[in-house]
């Protein structure tokens, strides 16, 4: 018969083997999550730049309308240079 110490050592080795396998799986999952997070961050940055550009263009259009076209509104009879 095995002694209590031998049984304990065997149980510890079994647990360590299972935990090692689980740790490898978790590290693989975390690596994939990290990679996807990096891709998502890059996509968000690209979308942020596109939206910022659209916003700037829209503001320029409104500013141009207010400062130029609206001042030349003929129905009011006022024409400013």
Foldseek 3Di string as FASTA:
>chain_A
DDDPVVVVVVVVVVVVVVVVVVVVVVVVVVVVVVVVVVVVVVVVVVVVVVVVVVVVVVVVVVVCCVVPVVQCPPVVVGHDD
